[in-house]
Amino acid sequence: MRTVEIDEAETHLLALIEEAAAGEEIIIAKAGTPRARLVPVEAAKKSGFAATFGIWNDKVWMSDDFDAPLPSEMLKEWGVE
């Protein structure tokens, strides 16, 4: 893992991207304080940044009226209406 300052990262961005694509993790810092991390796309997916859509398809049932307004009697009981 290598750390570069923001001004160096701006100057050498294409080279840093190629290094990250090759597997190197690069920390981009501002005045020595880490601000961002440049990693290969596959590494980002493995660390939980990518979402898996449709994982609950056909596993969860929801009523058609799930988001329908509640009856006024129920709202009165809760002091909402």
PDB file of N, CA and C in Angstrom:
ATOM      1  N   MET A   1       0.854  -1.169   0.000  1.00  0.00           N
ATOM      2  CA  MET A   1       0.000   0.000   0.000  1.00  0.00           C
ATOM      3  C   MET A   1       0.899   1.231   0.000  1.00  0.00           C
ATOM      4  N   ARG A   2       0.516   2.173  -0.843  1.00  0.00           N
ATOM      5  CA  ARG A   2       1.322   3.376  -1.014  1.00  0.00           C
ATOM      6  C   ARG A   2       0.446   4.589  -0.765  1.00  0.00           C
ATOM      7  N   THR A   3       1.021   5.646  -0.216  1.00  0.00           N
ATOM      8  CA  THR A   3       0.296   6.890   0.032  1.00  0.00           C
ATOM      9  C   THR A   3       0.869   7.991  -0.848  1.00  0.00           C
ATOM     10  N   VAL A   4      -0.047   8.734  -1.507  1.00  0.00           N
ATOM     11  CA  VAL A   4       0.367   9.883  -2.321  1.00  0.00           C
ATOM     12  C   VAL A   4      -0.472  11.094  -1.911  1.00  0.00           C
ATOM     13  N   GLU A   5       0.119  12.254  -2.045  1.00  0.00           N
ATOM     14  CA  GLU A   5      -0.603  13.492  -1.757  1.00  0.00           C
ATOM     15  C   GLU A   5      -1.524  13.833  -2.933  1.00  0.00           C
ATOM     16  N   ILE A   6      -2.539  14.636  -2.662  1.00  0.00           N
ATOM     17  CA  ILE A   6      -3.542  14.972  -3.678  1.00  0.00           C
ATOM     18  C   ILE A   6      -2.911  15.605  -4.912  1.00  0.00           C
ATOM     19  N   ASP A   7      -1.981  16.522  -4.749  1.00  0.00           N
ATOM     20  CA  ASP A   7      -1.381  17.177  -5.916  1.00  0.00           C
ATOM     21  C   ASP A   7      -0.631  16.181  -6.791  1.00  0.00           C
ATOM     22  N   GLU A   8       0.042  15.222  -6.167  1.00  0.00           N
ATOM     23  CA  GLU A   8       0.727  14.168  -6.936  1.00  0.00           C
ATOM     24  C   GLU A   8      -0.299  13.272  -7.631  1.00  0.00           C
ATOM     25  N   ALA A   9      -1.399  12.978  -6.932  1.00  0.00           N
ATOM     26  CA  ALA A   9      -2.449  12.134  -7.519  1.00  0.00           C
ATOM     27  C   ALA A   9      -3.071  12.810  -8.733  1.00  0.00           C
ATOM     28  N   GLU A  10      -3.264  14.128  -8.657  1.00  0.00           N
ATOM     29  CA  GLU A  10      -3.820  14.861  -9.804  1.00  0.00           C
ATOM     30  C   GLU A  10      -2.877  14.790 -10.999  1.00  0.00           C
ATOM     31  N   THR A  11      -1.590  14.934 -10.731  1.00  0.00           N
ATOM     32  CA  THR A  11      -0.596  14.938 -11.800  1.00  0.00           C
ATOM     33  C   THR A  11      -0.441  13.564 -12.442  1.00  0.00           C
ATOM     34  N   HIS A  12      -0.533  12.493 -11.630  1.00  0.00           N
ATOM     35  CA  HIS A  12      -0.259  11.147 -12.121  1.00  0.00           C
ATOM     36  C   HIS A  12      -1.472  10.224 -12.042  1.00  0.00           C
ATOM     37  N   LEU A  13      -2.667  10.789 -12.210  1.00  0.00           N
ATOM     38  CA  LEU A  13      -3.888  10.003 -12.022  1.00  0.00           C
ATOM     39  C   LEU A  13      -3.950   8.765 -12.912  1.00  0.00           C
ATOM     40  N   LEU A  14      -3.661   8.891 -14.181  1.00  0.00           N
ATOM     41  CA  LEU A  14      -3.743   7.739 -15.089  1.00  0.00           C
ATOM     42  C   LEU A  14      -2.800   6.611 -14.654  1.00  0.00           C
ATOM     43  N   ALA A  15      -1.596   6.977 -14.252  1.00  0.00           N
ATOM     44  CA  ALA A  15      -0.636   5.963 -13.797  1.00  0.00           C
ATOM     45  C   ALA A  15      -1.126   5.302 -12.510  1.00  0.00           C
ATOM     46  N   LEU A  16      -1.701   6.092 -11.601  1.00  0.00           N
ATOM     47  CA  LEU A  16      -2.221   5.532 -10.345  1.00  0.00           C
ATOM     48  C   LEU A  16      -3.392   4.582 -10.605  1.00  0.00           C
ATOM     49  N   ILE A  17      -4.235   4.941 -11.552  1.00  0.00           N
ATOM     50  CA  ILE A  17      -5.352   4.062 -11.908  1.00  0.00           C
ATOM     51  C   ILE A  17      -4.828   2.732 -12.435  1.00  0.00           C
ATOM     52  N   GLU A  18      -3.818   2.771 -13.269  1.00  0.00           N
ATOM     53  CA  GLU A  18      -3.237   1.537 -13.793  1.00  0.00           C
ATOM     54  C   GLU A  18      -2.616   0.699 -12.678  1.00  0.00           C
ATOM     55  N   GLU A  19      -1.959   1.346 -11.731  1.00  0.00           N
ATOM     56  CA  GLU A  19      -1.388   0.610 -10.598  1.00  0.00           C
ATOM     57  C   GLU A  19      -2.488  -0.053  -9.772  1.00  0.00           C
ATOM     58  N   ALA A  20      -3.568   0.675  -9.536  1.00  0.00           N
ATOM     59  CA  ALA A  20      -4.688   0.106  -8.779  1.00  0.00           C
ATOM     60  C   ALA A  20      -5.314  -1.051  -9.547  1.00  0.00           C
ATOM     61  N   ALA A  21      -5.462  -0.901 -10.852  1.00  0.00           N
ATOM     62  CA  ALA A  21      -6.035  -1.976 -11.666  1.00  0.00           C
ATOM     63  C   ALA A  21      -5.160  -3.215 -11.620  1.00  0.00           C
ATOM     64  N   ALA A  22      -3.860  -3.025 -11.431  1.00  0.00           N
ATOM     65  CA  ALA A  22      -2.931  -4.153 -11.333  1.00  0.00           C
ATOM     66  C   ALA A  22      -2.935  -4.790  -9.947  1.00  0.00           C
ATOM     67  N   GLY A  23      -3.684  -4.206  -9.010  1.00  0.00           N
ATOM     68  CA  GLY A  23      -3.816  -4.814  -7.693  1.00  0.00           C
ATOM     69  C   GLY A  23      -3.269  -4.031  -6.529  1.00  0.00           C
ATOM     70  N   GLU A  24      -2.612  -2.908  -6.794  1.00  0.00           N
ATOM     71  CA  GLU A  24      -2.046  -2.128  -5.687  1.00  0.00           C
ATOM     72  C   GLU A  24      -3.103  -1.209  -5.089  1.00  0.00           C
ATOM     73  N   GLU A  25      -3.104  -1.114  -3.760  1.00  0.00           N
ATOM     74  CA  GLU A  25      -3.999  -0.193  -3.066  1.00  0.00           C
ATOM     75  C   GLU A  25      -3.237   1.101  -2.833  1.00  0.00           C
ATOM     76  N   ILE A  26      -3.851   2.232  -3.200  1.00  0.00           N
ATOM     77  CA  ILE A  26      -3.193   3.526  -3.090  1.00  0.00           C
ATOM     78  C   ILE A  26      -4.056   4.443  -2.225  1.00  0.00           C
ATOM     79  N   ILE A  27      -3.457   5.020  -1.207  1.00  0.00           N
ATOM     80  CA  ILE A  27      -4.132   5.975  -0.333  1.00  0.00           C
ATOM     81  C   ILE A  27      -3.824   7.380  -0.841  1.00  0.00           C
ATOM     82  N   ILE A  28      -4.850   8.196  -1.003  1.00  0.00           N
ATOM     83  CA  ILE A  28      -4.664   9.589  -1.408  1.00  0.00           C
ATOM     84  C   ILE A  28      -4.865  10.442  -0.160  1.00  0.00           C
ATOM     85  N   ALA A  29      -3.856  11.256   0.146  1.00  0.00           N
ATOM     86  CA  ALA A  29      -3.863  12.034   1.381  1.00  0.00           C
ATOM     87  C   ALA A  29      -3.837  13.523   1.095  1.00  0.00           C
ATOM     88  N   LYS A  30      -4.342  14.271   2.073  1.00  0.00           N
ATOM     89  CA  LYS A  30      -4.273  15.734   2.029  1.00  0.00           C
ATOM     90  C   LYS A  30      -3.525  16.160   3.282  1.00  0.00           C
ATOM     91  N   ALA A  31      -2.367  16.765   3.085  1.00  0.00           N
ATOM     92  CA  ALA A  31      -1.504  17.180   4.201  1.00  0.00           C
ATOM     93  C   ALA A  31      -1.210  16.008   5.132  1.00  0.00           C
ATOM     94  N   GLY A  32      -0.987  14.839   4.533  1.00  0.00           N
ATOM     95  CA  GLY A  32      -0.633  13.656   5.311  1.00  0.00           C
ATOM     96  C   GLY A  32      -1.801  12.894   5.906  1.00  0.00           C
ATOM     97  N   THR A  33      -3.023  13.439   5.815  1.00  0.00           N
ATOM     98  CA  THR A  33      -4.205  12.775   6.352  1.00  0.00           C
ATOM     99  C   THR A  33      -4.909  12.004   5.240  1.00  0.00           C
ATOM    100  N   PRO A  34      -5.075  10.697   5.394  1.00  0.00           N
ATOM    101  CA  PRO A  34      -5.748   9.908   4.357  1.00  0.00           C
ATOM    102  C   PRO A  34      -7.156  10.431   4.076  1.00  0.00           C
ATOM    103  N   ARG A  35      -7.474  10.597   2.791  1.00  0.00           N
ATOM    104  CA  ARG A  35      -8.783  11.119   2.388  1.00  0.00           C
ATOM    105  C   ARG A  35      -9.547  10.150   1.492  1.00  0.00           C
ATOM    106  N   ALA A  36      -8.846   9.304   0.740  1.00  0.00           N
ATOM    107  CA  ALA A  36      -9.504   8.379  -0.181  1.00  0.00           C
ATOM    108  C   ALA A  36      -8.592   7.186  -0.415  1.00  0.00           C
ATOM    109  N   ARG A  37      -9.209   6.108  -0.918  1.00  0.00           N
ATOM    110  CA  ARG A  37      -8.449   4.895  -1.207  1.00  0.00           C
ATOM    111  C   ARG A  37      -8.762   4.476  -2.632  1.00  0.00           C
ATOM    112  N   LEU A  38      -7.741   4.230  -3.407  1.00  0.00           N
ATOM    113  CA  LEU A  38      -7.876   3.784  -4.786  1.00  0.00           C
ATOM    114  C   LEU A  38      -7.557   2.301  -4.818  1.00  0.00           C
ATOM    115  N   VAL A  39      -8.558   1.492  -5.174  1.00  0.00           N
ATOM    116  CA  VAL A  39      -8.399   0.036  -5.186  1.00  0.00           C
ATOM    117  C   VAL A  39      -8.935  -0.523  -6.494  1.00  0.00           C
ATOM    118  N   PRO A  40      -8.529  -1.750  -6.845  1.00  0.00           N
ATOM    119  CA  PRO A  40      -9.092  -2.358  -8.047  1.00  0.00           C
ATOM    120  C   PRO A  40     -10.588  -2.584  -7.868  1.00  0.00           C
ATOM    121  N   VAL A  41     -11.332  -2.573  -8.948  1.00  0.00           N
ATOM    122  CA  VAL A  41     -12.783  -2.737  -8.890  1.00  0.00           C
ATOM    123  C   VAL A  41     -13.166  -4.052  -8.218  1.00  0.00           C
ATOM    124  N   GLU A  42     -12.503  -5.134  -8.520  1.00  0.00           N
ATOM    125  CA  GLU A  42     -12.822  -6.425  -7.905  1.00  0.00           C
ATOM    126  C   GLU A  42     -12.620  -6.385  -6.397  1.00  0.00           C
ATOM    127  N   ALA A  43     -11.597  -5.691  -5.932  1.00  0.00           N
ATOM    128  CA  ALA A  43     -11.359  -5.581  -4.496  1.00  0.00           C
ATOM    129  C   ALA A  43     -12.492  -4.811  -3.837  1.00  0.00           C
ATOM    130  N   ALA A  44     -13.005  -3.789  -4.511  1.00  0.00           N
ATOM    131  CA  ALA A  44     -14.117  -3.021  -3.957  1.00  0.00           C
ATOM    132  C   ALA A  44     -15.352  -3.906  -3.822  1.00  0.00           C
ATOM    133  N   LYS A  45     -15.624  -4.752  -4.797  1.00  0.00           N
ATOM    134  CA  LYS A  45     -16.783  -5.636  -4.730  1.00  0.00           C
ATOM    135  C   LYS A  45     -16.662  -6.617  -3.576  1.00  0.00           C
ATOM    136  N   LYS A  46     -15.477  -7.158  -3.362  1.00  0.00           N
ATOM    137  CA  LYS A  46     -15.268  -8.130  -2.297  1.00  0.00           C
ATOM    138  C   LYS A  46     -15.398  -7.503  -0.924  1.00  0.00           C
ATOM    139  N   SER A  47     -15.129  -6.205  -0.807  1.00  0.00           N
ATOM    140  CA  SER A  47     -15.183  -5.568   0.502  1.00  0.00           C
ATOM    141  C   SER A  47     -16.572  -5.037   0.837  1.00  0.00           C
ATOM    142  N   GLY A  48     -17.574  -5.336   0.017  1.00  0.00           N
ATOM    143  CA  GLY A  48     -18.935  -4.996   0.364  1.00  0.00           C
ATOM    144  C   GLY A  48     -19.490  -3.743  -0.272  1.00  0.00           C
ATOM    145  N   PHE A  49     -18.801  -3.152  -1.225  1.00  0.00           N
ATOM    146  CA  PHE A  49     -19.307  -1.940  -1.841  1.00  0.00           C
ATOM    147  C   PHE A  49     -20.371  -2.211  -2.904  1.00  0.00           C
ATOM    148  N   ALA A  50     -20.388  -3.394  -3.448  1.00  0.00           N
ATOM    149  CA  ALA A  50     -21.344  -3.703  -4.503  1.00  0.00           C
ATOM    150  C   ALA A  50     -22.613  -4.298  -3.904  1.00  0.00           C
ATOM    151  N   ALA A  51     -23.763  -3.904  -4.430  1.00  0.00           N
ATOM    152  CA  ALA A  51     -25.049  -4.413  -3.951  1.00  0.00           C
ATOM    153  C   ALA A  51     -25.506  -5.580  -4.823  1.00  0.00           C
ATOM    154  N   THR A  52     -26.192  -6.524  -4.207  1.00  0.00           N
ATOM    155  CA  THR A  52     -26.789  -7.628  -4.954  1.00  0.00           C
ATOM    156  C   THR A  52     -28.288  -7.413  -4.959  1.00  0.00           C
ATOM    157  N   PHE A  53     -28.839  -7.122  -6.125  1.00  0.00           N
ATOM    158  CA  PHE A  53     -30.257  -6.838  -6.225  1.00  0.00           C
ATOM    159  C   PHE A  53     -31.039  -8.116  -6.511  1.00  0.00           C
ATOM    160  N   GLY A  54     -32.242  -8.179  -5.976  1.00  0.00           N
ATOM    161  CA  GLY A  54     -33.128  -9.299  -6.239  1.00  0.00           C
ATOM    162  C   GLY A  54     -32.882 -10.508  -5.374  1.00  0.00           C
ATOM    163  N   ILE A  55     -32.079 -10.370  -4.336  1.00  0.00           N
ATOM    164  CA  ILE A  55     -31.737 -11.523  -3.508  1.00  0.00           C
ATOM    165  C   ILE A  55     -32.964 -12.075  -2.765  1.00  0.00           C
ATOM    166  N   TRP A  56     -33.972 -11.235  -2.509  1.00  0.00           N
ATOM    167  CA  TRP A  56     -35.165 -11.676  -1.782  1.00  0.00           C
ATOM    168  C   TRP A  56     -36.334 -12.015  -2.713  1.00  0.00           C
ATOM    169  N   ASN A  57     -36.130 -11.964  -4.032  1.00  0.00           N
ATOM    170  CA  ASN A  57     -37.204 -12.332  -4.963  1.00  0.00           C
ATOM    171  C   ASN A  57     -37.724 -13.725  -4.657  1.00  0.00           C
ATOM    172  N   ASP A  58     -39.037 -13.869  -4.626  1.00  0.00           N
ATOM    173  CA  ASP A  58     -39.716 -15.146  -4.375  1.00  0.00           C
ATOM    174  C   ASP A  58     -39.443 -15.704  -2.984  1.00  0.00           C
ATOM    175  N   LYS A  59     -38.906 -14.910  -2.074  1.00  0.00           N
ATOM    176  CA  LYS A  59     -38.653 -15.379  -0.713  1.00  0.00           C
ATOM    177  C   LYS A  59     -39.484 -14.620   0.310  1.00  0.00           C
ATOM    178  N   VAL A  60     -39.941 -13.428  -0.056  1.00  0.00           N
ATOM    179  CA  VAL A  60     -40.714 -12.587   0.851  1.00  0.00           C
ATOM    180  C   VAL A  60     -42.024 -12.221   0.174  1.00  0.00           C
ATOM    181  N   TRP A  61     -43.111 -12.312   0.941  1.00  0.00           N
ATOM    182  CA  TRP A  61     -44.418 -11.921   0.418  1.00  0.00           C
ATOM    183  C   TRP A  61     -44.855 -10.651   1.110  1.00  0.00           C
ATOM    184  N   MET A  62     -45.442  -9.732   0.340  1.00  0.00           N
ATOM    185  CA  MET A  62     -45.954  -8.495   0.902  1.00  0.00           C
ATOM    186  C   MET A  62     -47.356  -8.269   0.351  1.00  0.00           C
ATOM    187  N   SER A  63     -48.274  -7.944   1.231  1.00  0.00           N
ATOM    188  CA  SER A  63     -49.664  -7.707   0.851  1.00  0.00           C
ATOM    189  C   SER A  63     -49.749  -6.560  -0.151  1.00  0.00           C
ATOM    190  N   ASP A  64     -50.726  -6.619  -1.046  1.00  0.00           N
ATOM    191  CA  ASP A  64     -50.918  -5.557  -2.031  1.00  0.00           C
ATOM    192  C   ASP A  64     -51.257  -4.220  -1.373  1.00  0.00           C
ATOM    193  N   ASP A  65     -51.883  -4.270  -0.200  1.00  0.00           N
ATOM    194  CA  ASP A  65     -52.261  -3.030   0.479  1.00  0.00           C
ATOM    195  C   ASP A  65     -51.268  -2.648   1.592  1.00  0.00           C
ATOM    196  N   PHE A  66     -50.049  -3.124   1.504  1.00  0.00           N
ATOM    197  CA  PHE A  66     -49.038  -2.880   2.536  1.00  0.00           C
ATOM    198  C   PHE A  66     -48.882  -1.393   2.863  1.00  0.00           C
ATOM    199  N   ASP A  67     -48.835  -0.557   1.835  1.00  0.00           N
ATOM    200  CA  ASP A  67     -48.609   0.869   2.063  1.00  0.00           C
ATOM    201  C   ASP A  67     -49.882   1.703   1.979  1.00  0.00           C
ATOM    202  N   ALA A  68     -51.034   1.042   2.096  1.00  0.00           N
ATOM    203  CA  ALA A  68     -52.313   1.755   2.096  1.00  0.00           C
ATOM    204  C   ALA A  68     -52.464   2.519   3.415  1.00  0.00           C
ATOM    205  N   PRO A  69     -53.223   3.612   3.402  1.00  0.00           N
ATOM    206  CA  PRO A  69     -53.437   4.362   4.646  1.00  0.00           C
ATOM    207  C   PRO A  69     -54.107   3.488   5.703  1.00  0.00           C
ATOM    208  N   LEU A  70     -53.738   3.713   6.952  1.00  0.00           N
ATOM    209  CA  LEU A  70     -54.342   2.970   8.056  1.00  0.00           C
ATOM    210  C   LEU A  70     -55.757   3.490   8.309  1.00  0.00           C
ATOM    211  N   PRO A  71     -56.617   2.632   8.853  1.00  0.00           N
ATOM    212  CA  PRO A  71     -57.984   3.072   9.167  1.00  0.00           C
ATOM    213  C   PRO A  71     -57.958   4.212  10.196  1.00  0.00           C
ATOM    214  N   SER A  72     -58.899   5.134  10.069  1.00  0.00           N
ATOM    215  CA  SER A  72     -58.911   6.296  10.967  1.00  0.00           C
ATOM    216  C   SER A  72     -59.097   5.892  12.422  1.00  0.00           C
ATOM    217  N   GLU A  73     -59.826   4.790  12.706  1.00  0.00           N
ATOM    218  CA  GLU A  73     -60.003   4.333  14.089  1.00  0.00           C
ATOM    219  C   GLU A  73     -58.639   3.991  14.716  1.00  0.00           C
ATOM    220  N   MET A  74     -57.807   3.330  13.943  1.00  0.00           N
ATOM    221  CA  MET A  74     -56.490   2.941  14.434  1.00  0.00           C
ATOM    222  C   MET A  74     -55.623   4.181  14.682  1.00  0.00           C
ATOM    223  N   LEU A  75     -55.682   5.155  13.784  1.00  0.00           N
ATOM    224  CA  LEU A  75     -54.914   6.384  13.942  1.00  0.00           C
ATOM    225  C   LEU A  75     -55.366   7.159  15.170  1.00  0.00           C
ATOM    226  N   LYS A  76     -56.689   7.178  15.428  1.00  0.00           N
ATOM    227  CA  LYS A  76     -57.218   7.863  16.612  1.00  0.00           C
ATOM    228  C   LYS A  76     -56.712   7.201  17.888  1.00  0.00           C
ATOM    229  N   GLU A  77     -56.661   5.859  17.907  1.00  0.00           N
ATOM    230  CA  GLU A  77     -56.172   5.137  19.074  1.00  0.00           C
ATOM    231  C   GLU A  77     -54.715   5.512  19.386  1.00  0.00           C
ATOM    232  N   TRP A  78     -53.931   5.743  18.361  1.00  0.00           N
ATOM    233  CA  TRP A  78     -52.535   6.082  18.545  1.00  0.00           C
ATOM    234  C   TRP A  78     -52.320   7.583  18.743  1.00  0.00           C
ATOM    235  N   GLY A  79     -53.388   8.359  18.644  1.00  0.00           N
ATOM    236  CA  GLY A  79     -53.294   9.794  18.831  1.00  0.00           C
ATOM    237  C   GLY A  79     -52.649  10.522  17.666  1.00  0.00           C
ATOM    238  N   VAL A  80     -52.701   9.906  16.485  1.00  0.00           N
ATOM    239  CA  VAL A  80     -52.083  10.508  15.300  1.00  0.00           C
ATOM    240  C   VAL A  80     -53.070  11.400  14.558  1.00  0.00           C
ATOM    241  N   GLU A  81     -54.345  11.053  14.616  1.00  0.00           N
ATOM    242  CA  GLU A  81     -55.340  11.800  13.850  1.00  0.00           C
ATOM    243  C   GLU A  81     -56.132  12.726  14.737  1.00  0.00           C
TER     244      GLU A  81
END
